[in-house]
Amino acid sequence: MTTVDVNLMADLKRFGAADINDCFSCGNCTAICPLADDDAVFPRSIIRLAQVGLKDQLVGAKELWTCYQCGMCTDRCPQQADPSEFMATARRYAIAHYDKTRLARTLYTKPVIGVIIAVVAALFFAAFFQTLKSGQGAPDKAVFGLNYSIIHTTGLVVMAIAVLFSAIGLVLLIRNIARRDGVTWASLLKGGKAWKRTWRALWYAVGVESLGQKRYREDCVDDQPVEPLYRRRWLIHFLTLWGFLGLFLATILNYLLDLLGIVDTGTWHPIYYPIRLLGTIAGLALMYGVTWFFVRRFEERRAGTSTTKMTDWLFLTQLWLIGLTGFLIELSLYLPGQHPWADWIFLVHAGIAMELILFLPFTKLAHVMYRPVSLFFYGLAKS
């Protein structure tokens, strides 16, 4: 049975959508979109789902996440309905839909309260670590003056919470897309051909698109004068994604080696030490990508071609601060003498990092998990 939500359009506007009632379904956006094909007809079809109130089909559409928001559809829209911003809005709405705590809805629809919640969360973690700070002669090892075991135990708890709520959202998304696309366990796993098709779709989703961003690099290219490589959208997105993942990987590896007694966390190592080199390169990539995200968003906002939510600015600021504080911490290890200021920088770094991980299922970071799943189903449809 199909259920129509008559309040869907009004609710979507709270997440930032332009007035897509101006859209009269001319199809120009789909015609210009380089990613639209027989298996992903958008943004026109997604707009239509919202206009007629088909909420379940909207949040269960893989096309929401296969869109990279290049903006070509908005540039060519004769009604100025801003389909590109609508796709971003629908993704925010979907994140909130799959979050049963309603935290994502608060972050997106009440931006001032959302910023306060994010700042308070980071301050809470920083204050918690500072309160339990290792004192002189404390039995626990201290890293930049903070209790090592407390930091990592808290990190594991925070990651467990994030994984739990991420898993709930992913299960709901998978169920909705599978129902919409008619995908069953048998079609995925029954028989050699099914296995082969499933592995191809998985490689396409994770390797080719999520990490390699093949279609973003090759297809999302406007017919206008090509921008210099250093500021192209795909490169900015690529470096930000890989920078964040690289820093996360370096942190995990450093923790594991410390756990095995091979390397002490927070101690001096040459810059060419593999994990430190990985963290340094990843940090540079992250800060480069985020800095250009800031520049492009300011340019687009000034030109009136983009709408950026306060939560987006907050998210970018947090990523940039993670990179900056990380480099300051690294610098303190190479400078001679003692540096009490490094302890405070590490406190800020740890507080923001914990808050980012905890809020992963409720913010734009959720793209990291929802996009590969949707690309997997798109890969299945293409197989």
Protein backbone atom coordinates (compact mmCIF):
# COMPACT_ATOMS: atom_id res chain seq x y z
CA MET A 1 0.00 0.00 0.00
CA THR A 2 1.32 3.43 -0.97
CA THR A 3 1.08 6.08 1.75
CA VAL A 4 1.05 9.76 0.84
CA ASP A 5 2.44 12.25 3.34
CA VAL A 6 0.67 15.54 2.67
CA ASN A 7 3.10 17.37 4.98
CA LEU A 8 6.25 16.13 3.25
CA MET A 9 6.96 19.31 1.27
CA ALA A 10 6.49 21.53 4.31
CA ASP A 11 8.76 19.29 6.35
CA LEU A 12 11.45 19.23 3.66
CA LYS A 13 11.60 23.02 3.61
CA ARG A 14 12.72 22.93 7.22
CA PHE A 15 15.86 21.12 6.02
CA GLY A 16 16.73 23.83 3.52
CA ALA A 17 14.91 22.99 0.28
CA ALA A 18 14.19 25.65 -2.26
CA ASP A 19 10.56 26.02 -3.31
CA ILE A 20 10.42 23.10 -5.71
CA ASN A 21 6.75 23.82 -6.29
CA ASP A 22 8.18 26.06 -9.02
CA CYS A 23 9.29 22.87 -10.78
CA PHE A 24 6.88 21.88 -13.56
CA SER A 25 8.77 18.69 -14.44
CA CYS A 26 10.23 19.92 -17.72
CA GLY A 27 13.03 17.35 -17.43
CA ASN A 28 15.81 19.81 -18.18
CA CYS A 29 17.68 18.85 -14.98
CA THR A 30 17.66 15.17 -15.89
CA ALA A 31 18.73 15.92 -19.45
CA ILE A 32 21.73 17.95 -18.30
CA CYS A 33 22.76 15.68 -15.43
CA PRO A 34 25.84 13.65 -16.46
CA LEU A 35 24.97 10.91 -13.95
CA ALA A 36 21.35 10.37 -14.98
CA ASP A 37 20.77 7.14 -16.86
CA ASP A 38 18.29 4.27 -17.05
CA ASP A 39 19.22 3.16 -13.52
CA ALA A 40 19.39 6.60 -11.92
CA VAL A 41 16.85 9.06 -13.31
CA PHE A 42 17.23 12.18 -11.23
CA PRO A 43 16.85 14.83 -9.98
CA ARG A 44 13.48 15.10 -11.74
CA SER A 45 12.14 11.80 -10.37
CA ILE A 46 13.25 12.63 -6.81
CA ILE A 47 11.59 16.05 -6.98
CA ARG A 48 8.38 14.42 -8.16
CA LEU A 49 8.39 11.98 -5.24
CA ALA A 50 8.56 14.94 -2.85
CA GLN A 51 5.85 16.89 -4.66
CA VAL A 52 3.34 14.03 -4.42
CA GLY A 53 4.27 13.14 -0.82
CA LEU A 54 5.83 9.71 -1.33
CA LYS A 55 8.14 9.88 1.68
CA ASP A 56 9.05 6.20 1.87
CA GLN A 57 10.08 6.13 -1.77
CA LEU A 58 12.00 9.38 -1.38
CA VAL A 59 14.15 8.24 1.57
CA GLY A 60 14.54 4.82 -0.04
CA ALA A 61 15.89 6.17 -3.33
CA LYS A 62 19.52 5.27 -4.00
CA GLU A 63 19.69 8.26 -6.35
CA LEU A 64 19.83 10.59 -3.34
CA TRP A 65 23.33 9.39 -2.62
CA THR A 66 24.62 8.78 -6.14
CA CYS A 67 24.24 12.52 -6.80
CA TYR A 68 27.45 14.53 -6.22
CA GLN A 69 25.73 17.93 -6.28
CA CYS A 70 27.79 19.38 -9.11
CA GLY A 71 25.15 22.11 -9.56
CA MET A 72 24.68 21.81 -13.32
CA CYS A 73 20.97 21.12 -12.93
CA THR A 74 20.50 24.31 -10.92
CA ASP A 75 22.47 26.37 -13.45
CA ARG A 76 20.18 25.16 -16.26
CA CYS A 77 16.83 25.18 -14.44
CA PRO A 78 14.45 27.58 -16.29
CA GLN A 79 12.32 27.98 -13.14
CA GLN A 80 15.18 28.58 -10.68
CA ALA A 81 13.79 25.70 -8.61
CA ASP A 82 17.36 24.84 -7.50
CA PRO A 83 17.22 21.04 -7.92
CA SER A 84 20.83 20.69 -6.73
CA GLU A 85 20.00 22.21 -3.35
CA PHE A 86 16.88 20.07 -3.20
CA MET A 87 18.98 16.91 -3.54
CA ALA A 88 21.19 18.10 -0.66
CA THR A 89 18.08 18.87 1.38
CA ALA A 90 16.61 15.45 0.68
CA ARG A 91 19.83 13.84 1.91
CA ARG A 92 19.62 15.82 5.15
CA TYR A 93 16.01 14.74 5.48
CA ALA A 94 16.96 11.10 4.88
CA ILE A 95 19.69 11.25 7.54
CA ALA A 96 17.14 12.60 10.03
CA HIS A 97 14.58 10.00 8.93
CA TYR A 98 16.93 7.11 9.70
CA ASP A 99 17.95 8.62 13.04
CA LYS A 100 15.44 7.49 15.65
CA THR A 101 16.91 9.72 18.37
CA ARG A 102 15.74 12.85 16.47
CA LEU A 103 19.14 14.43 17.13
CA ALA A 104 19.82 14.84 13.40
CA ARG A 105 16.46 16.59 12.96
CA THR A 106 17.38 19.04 15.72
CA LEU A 107 20.82 19.69 14.27
CA TYR A 108 19.41 20.42 10.82
CA THR A 109 16.13 22.20 11.57
CA LYS A 110 17.21 24.18 14.64
CA PRO A 111 20.69 25.33 13.61
CA VAL A 112 21.42 27.55 16.62
CA ILE A 113 20.48 24.79 19.04
CA GLY A 114 22.42 22.33 16.88
CA VAL A 115 25.60 24.42 17.10
CA ILE A 116 25.16 24.75 20.86
CA ILE A 117 24.76 20.96 21.19
CA ALA A 118 27.89 20.33 19.11
CA VAL A 119 30.00 22.86 21.02
CA VAL A 120 28.76 21.64 24.40
CA ALA A 121 29.54 18.03 23.42
CA ALA A 122 33.12 18.91 22.48
CA LEU A 123 33.55 20.97 25.66
CA PHE A 124 32.13 18.12 27.72
CA PHE A 125 34.72 15.66 26.41
CA ALA A 126 37.53 18.17 26.89
CA ALA A 127 36.40 18.96 30.44
CA PHE A 128 35.99 15.26 31.21
CA PHE A 129 39.56 14.50 30.13
CA GLN A 130 40.90 17.54 31.98
CA THR A 131 39.09 16.57 35.19
CA LEU A 132 40.64 13.10 35.11
CA LYS A 133 44.04 14.42 34.09
CA SER A 134 47.00 12.30 35.19
CA GLY A 135 48.79 13.95 38.06
CA GLN A 136 52.43 13.90 39.02
CA GLY A 137 53.49 10.32 39.60
CA ALA A 138 50.12 8.92 38.57
CA PRO A 139 50.27 5.18 37.79
CA ASP A 140 48.57 5.61 34.43
CA LYS A 141 50.58 6.72 31.44
CA ALA A 142 49.92 10.32 30.40
CA VAL A 143 49.75 11.59 26.82
CA PHE A 144 50.13 15.36 26.63
CA GLY A 145 49.26 15.47 30.30
CA LEU A 146 46.01 13.51 29.88
CA ASN A 147 45.22 10.06 31.20
CA TYR A 148 45.97 7.66 28.33
CA SER A 149 43.66 4.83 29.38
CA ILE A 150 40.75 7.22 30.00
CA ILE A 151 41.11 8.76 26.52
CA HIS A 152 41.14 5.44 24.70
CA THR A 153 38.43 3.83 26.81
CA THR A 154 36.22 6.84 26.14
CA GLY A 155 37.08 6.62 22.45
CA LEU A 156 36.05 2.98 22.30
CA VAL A 157 32.75 3.71 24.06
CA VAL A 158 32.04 6.64 21.72
CA MET A 159 32.86 4.51 18.67
CA ALA A 160 30.58 1.74 19.92
CA ILE A 161 27.68 4.20 20.27
CA ALA A 162 28.35 5.63 16.81
CA VAL A 163 28.53 2.14 15.29
CA LEU A 164 25.24 1.14 16.95
CA PHE A 165 23.26 4.08 15.61
CA SER A 166 25.03 3.87 12.24
CA ALA A 167 24.05 0.21 11.98
CA ILE A 168 20.40 1.04 12.71
CA GLY A 169 20.37 3.68 10.00
CA LEU A 170 22.13 1.44 7.49
CA VAL A 171 19.72 -1.46 8.09
CA LEU A 172 16.74 0.84 7.51
CA LEU A 173 18.29 2.30 4.36
CA ILE A 174 19.19 -1.12 2.97
CA ARG A 175 15.69 -2.41 3.66
CA ASN A 176 14.06 0.55 1.89
CA ILE A 177 16.31 0.46 -1.19
CA ALA A 178 16.05 -3.34 -1.45
CA ARG A 179 12.27 -3.17 -1.36
CA ARG A 180 12.17 -0.36 -3.92
CA ASP A 181 14.61 -2.12 -6.26
CA GLY A 182 13.33 -5.66 -5.70
CA VAL A 183 16.66 -6.94 -4.33
CA THR A 184 16.54 -10.10 -2.19
CA TRP A 185 19.11 -12.21 -0.36
CA ALA A 186 18.66 -14.88 -2.99
CA SER A 187 19.44 -12.44 -5.80
CA LEU A 188 22.64 -11.48 -3.98
CA LEU A 189 23.95 -14.82 -2.80
CA LYS A 190 22.23 -17.70 -4.56
CA GLY A 191 24.45 -19.18 -7.24
CA GLY A 192 27.82 -18.33 -8.74
CA LYS A 193 26.45 -15.62 -11.02
CA ALA A 194 24.76 -13.90 -8.08
CA TRP A 195 27.98 -13.94 -6.06
CA LYS A 196 29.95 -12.56 -8.98
CA ARG A 197 27.41 -9.78 -9.55
CA THR A 198 27.40 -8.93 -5.84
CA TRP A 199 31.21 -8.70 -5.65
CA ARG A 200 31.33 -6.55 -8.78
CA ALA A 201 28.78 -4.17 -7.27
CA LEU A 202 30.72 -4.07 -3.99
CA TRP A 203 33.99 -3.26 -5.75
CA TYR A 204 32.24 -0.61 -7.82
CA ALA A 205 30.70 1.01 -4.72
CA VAL A 206 33.78 1.01 -2.49
CA GLY A 207 36.78 0.96 -4.81
CA VAL A 208 35.71 2.63 -8.03
CA GLU A 209 33.29 5.26 -6.74
CA SER A 210 33.61 5.90 -2.98
CA LEU A 211 37.41 5.93 -2.94
CA GLY A 212 38.26 6.48 -6.61
CA GLN A 213 35.29 8.79 -7.43
CA LYS A 214 35.44 7.77 -11.06
CA ARG A 215 32.12 9.25 -12.19
CA TYR A 216 32.68 12.43 -10.20
CA ARG A 217 36.06 12.91 -11.91
CA GLU A 218 35.08 11.91 -15.42
CA ASP A 219 31.37 12.67 -15.79
CA CYS A 220 30.60 15.62 -13.48
CA VAL A 221 32.36 18.08 -15.75
CA ASP A 222 30.49 21.13 -16.98
CA ASP A 223 30.76 22.34 -20.55
CA GLN A 224 31.87 25.72 -19.22
CA PRO A 225 35.62 26.58 -19.13
CA VAL A 226 37.38 23.88 -17.10
CA GLU A 227 38.71 25.03 -13.73
CA PRO A 228 42.36 24.54 -12.74
CA LEU A 229 43.01 21.11 -11.26
CA TYR A 230 43.86 22.49 -7.81
CA ARG A 231 40.30 23.75 -7.24
CA ARG A 232 38.15 21.21 -9.03
CA ARG A 233 35.25 19.84 -7.02
CA TRP A 234 36.21 16.20 -7.32
CA LEU A 235 39.77 16.85 -6.13
CA ILE A 236 38.58 18.88 -3.13
CA HIS A 237 36.12 16.14 -2.18
CA PHE A 238 38.72 13.42 -2.85
CA LEU A 239 41.40 15.00 -0.65
CA THR A 240 38.95 15.75 2.16
CA LEU A 241 37.64 12.18 2.18
CA TRP A 242 41.04 10.53 1.95
CA GLY A 243 42.53 12.98 4.43
CA PHE A 244 39.89 12.18 7.02
CA LEU A 245 40.16 8.43 6.43
CA GLY A 246 43.96 8.62 6.52
CA LEU A 247 43.96 10.40 9.87
CA PHE A 248 41.48 7.90 11.25
CA LEU A 249 43.63 5.00 10.03
CA ALA A 250 46.81 6.55 11.47
CA THR A 251 45.07 6.97 14.85
CA ILE A 252 43.87 3.36 14.87
CA LEU A 253 47.29 2.01 13.86
CA ASN A 254 49.03 4.12 16.48
CA TYR A 255 46.64 2.83 19.14
CA LEU A 256 47.11 -0.79 18.11
CA LEU A 257 50.91 -0.53 18.14
CA ASP A 258 50.77 1.10 21.56
CA LEU A 259 48.43 -1.64 22.77
CA LEU A 260 50.96 -4.24 21.59
CA GLY A 261 53.78 -2.41 23.37
CA ILE A 262 55.62 -1.60 20.13
CA VAL A 263 55.25 2.18 20.08
CA ASP A 264 54.32 4.69 22.80
CA THR A 265 51.59 7.15 21.86
CA GLY A 266 52.57 10.82 21.99
CA THR A 267 56.34 10.25 21.79
CA TRP A 268 58.85 11.61 19.30
CA HIS A 269 59.38 9.81 15.98
CA PRO A 270 61.05 11.00 12.79
CA ILE A 271 58.75 12.46 10.18
CA TYR A 272 59.44 9.52 7.86
CA TYR A 273 58.16 7.05 10.44
CA PRO A 274 55.33 5.31 8.47
CA ILE A 275 52.38 6.13 10.74
CA ARG A 276 53.55 9.69 11.34
CA LEU A 277 54.12 10.17 7.62
CA LEU A 278 50.63 8.81 6.90
CA GLY A 279 49.11 11.19 9.47
CA THR A 280 51.07 14.17 8.12
CA ILE A 281 50.10 13.57 4.49
CA ALA A 282 46.48 12.86 5.44
CA GLY A 283 46.34 16.00 7.58
CA LEU A 284 47.67 18.13 4.72
CA ALA A 285 45.13 16.60 2.33
CA LEU A 286 42.28 17.21 4.78
CA MET A 287 43.19 20.84 5.44
CA TYR A 288 43.69 21.55 1.74
CA GLY A 289 40.32 20.05 0.83
CA VAL A 290 38.41 21.71 3.68
CA THR A 291 40.03 25.09 3.00
CA TRP A 292 38.88 24.96 -0.60
CA PHE A 293 35.42 23.85 0.52
CA PHE A 294 35.28 27.08 2.53
CA VAL A 295 36.48 29.15 -0.43
CA ARG A 296 34.03 27.60 -2.89
CA ARG A 297 31.08 27.87 -0.53
CA PHE A 298 31.82 31.55 0.12
CA GLU A 299 32.10 32.15 -3.64
CA GLU A 300 28.88 30.30 -4.43
CA ARG A 301 26.99 31.95 -1.59
CA ARG A 302 28.12 35.39 -2.74
CA ALA A 303 26.97 34.54 -6.27
CA GLY A 304 23.61 33.30 -4.96
CA THR A 305 24.08 29.84 -6.48
CA SER A 306 24.33 27.83 -3.26
CA THR A 307 22.67 27.50 0.12
CA THR A 308 24.84 26.30 2.99
CA LYS A 309 23.29 25.29 6.30
CA MET A 310 24.88 26.39 9.57
CA THR A 311 25.55 22.72 10.33
CA ASP A 312 27.61 22.50 7.12
CA TRP A 313 29.78 25.44 8.22
CA LEU A 314 30.15 23.86 11.65
CA PHE A 315 31.15 20.52 10.15
CA LEU A 316 33.81 22.10 7.93
CA THR A 317 35.13 24.16 10.84
CA GLN A 318 35.47 21.05 13.00
CA LEU A 319 37.37 19.20 10.29
CA TRP A 320 39.69 22.15 9.77
CA LEU A 321 40.34 22.46 13.50
CA ILE A 322 41.08 18.72 13.71
CA GLY A 323 43.77 19.19 11.07
CA LEU A 324 45.18 22.39 12.58
CA THR A 325 45.39 21.09 16.15
CA GLY A 326 46.92 17.86 14.86
CA PHE A 327 49.76 19.76 13.19
CA LEU A 328 50.30 21.93 16.26
CA ILE A 329 50.57 18.78 18.37
CA GLU A 330 53.05 17.32 15.90
CA LEU A 331 55.04 20.56 15.92
CA SER A 332 55.31 20.43 19.71
CA LEU A 333 57.02 17.03 19.46
CA TYR A 334 59.75 18.40 17.19
CA LEU A 335 60.42 21.67 19.02
CA PRO A 336 63.07 21.46 21.76
CA GLY A 337 62.04 21.78 25.40
CA GLN A 338 58.71 21.44 27.19
CA HIS A 339 55.53 22.97 25.77
CA PRO A 340 52.61 23.22 28.21
CA TRP A 341 50.47 24.77 25.47
CA ALA A 342 50.58 21.43 23.61
CA ASP A 343 48.60 19.84 26.45
CA TRP A 344 45.77 22.32 25.88
CA ILE A 345 45.91 21.90 22.11
CA PHE A 346 45.64 18.14 22.55
CA LEU A 347 42.65 18.69 24.84
CA VAL A 348 40.87 20.67 22.10
CA HIS A 349 41.87 18.08 19.49
CA ALA A 350 40.55 15.17 21.58
CA GLY A 351 37.28 16.96 22.42
CA ILE A 352 36.44 17.75 18.80
CA ALA A 353 37.48 14.28 17.61
CA MET A 354 35.23 12.55 20.14
CA GLU A 355 32.30 14.79 19.23
CA LEU A 356 32.77 14.17 15.50
CA ILE A 357 32.82 10.39 15.98
CA LEU A 358 29.82 10.43 18.32
CA PHE A 359 27.75 12.52 15.90
CA LEU A 360 28.75 10.53 12.80
CA PRO A 361 25.25 9.01 12.22
CA PHE A 362 23.54 12.39 12.70
CA THR A 363 25.56 14.80 10.55
CA LYS A 364 27.04 15.10 7.07
CA LEU A 365 29.58 12.45 8.04
CA ALA A 366 26.72 9.99 7.54
CA HIS A 367 27.45 10.35 3.80
CA VAL A 368 30.51 8.16 4.43
CA MET A 369 28.24 5.19 5.21
CA TYR A 370 25.07 5.90 3.21
CA ARG A 371 26.71 6.73 -0.12
CA PRO A 372 28.64 3.42 -0.54
CA VAL A 373 25.50 1.40 0.27
CA SER A 374 23.47 3.30 -2.32
CA LEU A 375 26.27 2.97 -4.87
CA PHE A 376 26.28 -0.77 -4.21
CA PHE A 377 22.62 -0.99 -5.23
CA TYR A 378 23.32 1.21 -8.22
CA GLY A 379 26.14 -1.15 -9.19
CA LEU A 380 23.73 -4.08 -8.91
CA ALA A 381 21.27 -2.34 -11.20
CA LYS A 382 24.02 -1.72 -13.74
CA SER A 383 25.27 -5.34 -13.65
